[in-house]
Amino acid sequence: MGNLLYIIAVILIILWAVGYFGMHVGGGLIHILLVIAIIAILLRVIRGGSAV
């Protein structure tokens, strides 16, 4: 489950970067997804990245 969250977070960050810098789609939704991705990564780091 932890690996899945980490993969989703990385994908969301990549999509945000493409949308923000590439097409400048903007909008509040993509920034909310970015915040969720960062929170998921922080939780993974804080918990020590142990495999579950």
N, C-alpha and C. Protein backbone atom coordinates (compact mmCIF):
# COMPACT_ATOMS: atom_id res chain seq x y z
N MET A 1 0.83 -1.20 0.00
CA MET A 1 0.00 0.00 0.00
C MET A 1 0.86 1.25 0.00
N GLY A 2 1.96 1.22 0.76
CA GLY A 2 2.84 2.38 0.82
C GLY A 2 3.50 2.67 -0.51
N ASN A 3 3.90 1.62 -1.21
CA ASN A 3 4.52 1.81 -2.52
C ASN A 3 3.53 2.41 -3.51
N LEU A 4 2.29 1.99 -3.44
CA LEU A 4 1.27 2.51 -4.32
C LEU A 4 1.06 4.01 -4.09
N LEU A 5 1.00 4.42 -2.83
CA LEU A 5 0.84 5.84 -2.52
C LEU A 5 2.03 6.65 -3.02
N TYR A 6 3.21 6.08 -2.88
CA TYR A 6 4.41 6.78 -3.34
C TYR A 6 4.39 6.94 -4.86
N ILE A 7 4.00 5.92 -5.57
CA ILE A 7 3.92 5.99 -7.03
C ILE A 7 2.88 7.00 -7.47
N ILE A 8 1.72 6.99 -6.81
CA ILE A 8 0.67 7.96 -7.14
C ILE A 8 1.16 9.38 -6.88
N ALA A 9 1.86 9.59 -5.78
CA ALA A 9 2.37 10.93 -5.46
C ALA A 9 3.35 11.40 -6.53
N VAL A 10 4.25 10.54 -6.97
CA VAL A 10 5.22 10.92 -8.00
C VAL A 10 4.51 11.25 -9.31
N ILE A 11 3.52 10.44 -9.67
CA ILE A 11 2.76 10.70 -10.90
C ILE A 11 2.03 12.03 -10.82
N LEU A 12 1.44 12.32 -9.67
CA LEU A 12 0.73 13.60 -9.51
C LEU A 12 1.67 14.78 -9.62
N ILE A 13 2.88 14.65 -9.06
CA ILE A 13 3.85 15.74 -9.16
C ILE A 13 4.27 15.94 -10.62
N ILE A 14 4.50 14.86 -11.34
CA ILE A 14 4.88 14.98 -12.75
C ILE A 14 3.76 15.63 -13.56
N LEU A 15 2.52 15.18 -13.33
CA LEU A 15 1.39 15.77 -14.05
C LEU A 15 1.22 17.25 -13.72
N TRP A 16 1.44 17.59 -12.46
CA TRP A 16 1.35 19.00 -12.07
C TRP A 16 2.40 19.83 -12.78
N ALA A 17 3.63 19.31 -12.83
CA ALA A 17 4.71 20.04 -13.48
C ALA A 17 4.41 20.23 -14.96
N VAL A 18 3.93 19.19 -15.62
CA VAL A 18 3.61 19.30 -17.04
C VAL A 18 2.48 20.30 -17.26
N GLY A 19 1.46 20.22 -16.43
CA GLY A 19 0.33 21.14 -16.58
C GLY A 19 0.69 22.58 -16.25
N TYR A 20 1.53 22.77 -15.25
CA TYR A 20 1.85 24.13 -14.81
C TYR A 20 2.87 24.79 -15.73
N PHE A 21 3.94 24.05 -16.05
CA PHE A 21 5.01 24.65 -16.86
C PHE A 21 4.79 24.46 -18.35
N GLY A 22 4.16 23.36 -18.74
CA GLY A 22 3.97 23.07 -20.15
C GLY A 22 2.79 23.80 -20.76
N MET A 23 1.61 23.52 -20.27
CA MET A 23 0.40 24.06 -20.87
C MET A 23 -0.21 25.19 -20.04
N HIS A 24 0.27 25.36 -18.85
CA HIS A 24 -0.23 26.37 -17.91
C HIS A 24 -1.75 26.28 -17.81
N VAL A 25 -2.23 25.05 -17.60
CA VAL A 25 -3.66 24.82 -17.47
C VAL A 25 -4.17 25.48 -16.21
N GLY A 26 -3.37 25.41 -15.16
CA GLY A 26 -3.72 26.07 -13.91
C GLY A 26 -4.94 25.46 -13.24
N GLY A 27 -5.69 26.27 -12.56
CA GLY A 27 -6.88 25.80 -11.86
C GLY A 27 -6.53 25.33 -10.46
N GLY A 28 -7.53 25.29 -9.60
CA GLY A 28 -7.32 24.90 -8.22
C GLY A 28 -7.13 23.41 -8.04
N LEU A 29 -7.73 22.60 -8.92
CA LEU A 29 -7.69 21.16 -8.75
C LEU A 29 -6.27 20.61 -8.84
N ILE A 30 -5.48 21.07 -9.80
CA ILE A 30 -4.14 20.54 -9.96
C ILE A 30 -3.26 20.89 -8.76
N HIS A 31 -3.49 22.03 -8.15
CA HIS A 31 -2.72 22.41 -6.98
C HIS A 31 -3.14 21.60 -5.75
N ILE A 32 -4.40 21.27 -5.66
CA ILE A 32 -4.86 20.40 -4.58
C ILE A 32 -4.23 19.02 -4.72
N LEU A 33 -4.15 18.52 -5.97
CA LEU A 33 -3.50 17.23 -6.21
C LEU A 33 -2.03 17.28 -5.83
N LEU A 34 -1.38 18.41 -6.10
CA LEU A 34 0.02 18.56 -5.72
C LEU A 34 0.18 18.50 -4.20
N VAL A 35 -0.68 19.16 -3.48
CA VAL A 35 -0.62 19.15 -2.02
C VAL A 35 -0.81 17.72 -1.50
N ILE A 36 -1.75 16.99 -2.09
CA ILE A 36 -1.97 15.60 -1.68
C ILE A 36 -0.73 14.76 -1.94
N ALA A 37 -0.10 14.97 -3.09
CA ALA A 37 1.12 14.22 -3.42
C ALA A 37 2.24 14.52 -2.44
N ILE A 38 2.42 15.79 -2.09
CA ILE A 38 3.47 16.16 -1.15
C ILE A 38 3.20 15.56 0.22
N ILE A 39 1.95 15.59 0.66
CA ILE A 39 1.60 15.00 1.95
C ILE A 39 1.89 13.50 1.95
N ALA A 40 1.57 12.83 0.85
CA ALA A 40 1.82 11.39 0.77
C ALA A 40 3.32 11.09 0.86
N ILE A 41 4.13 11.91 0.18
CA ILE A 41 5.58 11.71 0.23
C ILE A 41 6.10 11.99 1.63
N LEU A 42 5.62 13.05 2.27
CA LEU A 42 6.08 13.37 3.62
C LEU A 42 5.70 12.26 4.61
N LEU A 43 4.51 11.73 4.49
CA LEU A 43 4.11 10.63 5.37
C LEU A 43 5.01 9.42 5.16
N ARG A 44 5.36 9.17 3.91
CA ARG A 44 6.25 8.04 3.60
C ARG A 44 7.63 8.24 4.23
N VAL A 45 8.15 9.47 4.15
CA VAL A 45 9.47 9.77 4.71
C VAL A 45 9.42 9.72 6.24
N ILE A 46 8.38 10.29 6.83
CA ILE A 46 8.27 10.33 8.29
C ILE A 46 8.15 8.92 8.85
N ARG A 47 7.42 8.06 8.18
CA ARG A 47 7.24 6.69 8.67
C ARG A 47 8.47 5.82 8.39
N GLY A 48 9.46 6.37 7.75
CA GLY A 48 10.70 5.64 7.54
C GLY A 48 10.73 4.82 6.27
N GLY A 49 9.71 4.91 5.45
CA GLY A 49 9.70 4.20 4.18
C GLY A 49 9.71 2.69 4.31
N SER A 50 9.22 2.17 5.43
CA SER A 50 9.21 0.72 5.63
C SER A 50 8.20 0.08 4.69
N ALA A 51 8.57 -1.05 4.12
CA ALA A 51 7.68 -1.78 3.24
C ALA A 51 6.57 -2.44 4.04
N VAL A 52 5.34 -2.31 3.56
CA VAL A 52 4.20 -2.88 4.26
C VAL A 52 3.63 -4.02 3.45
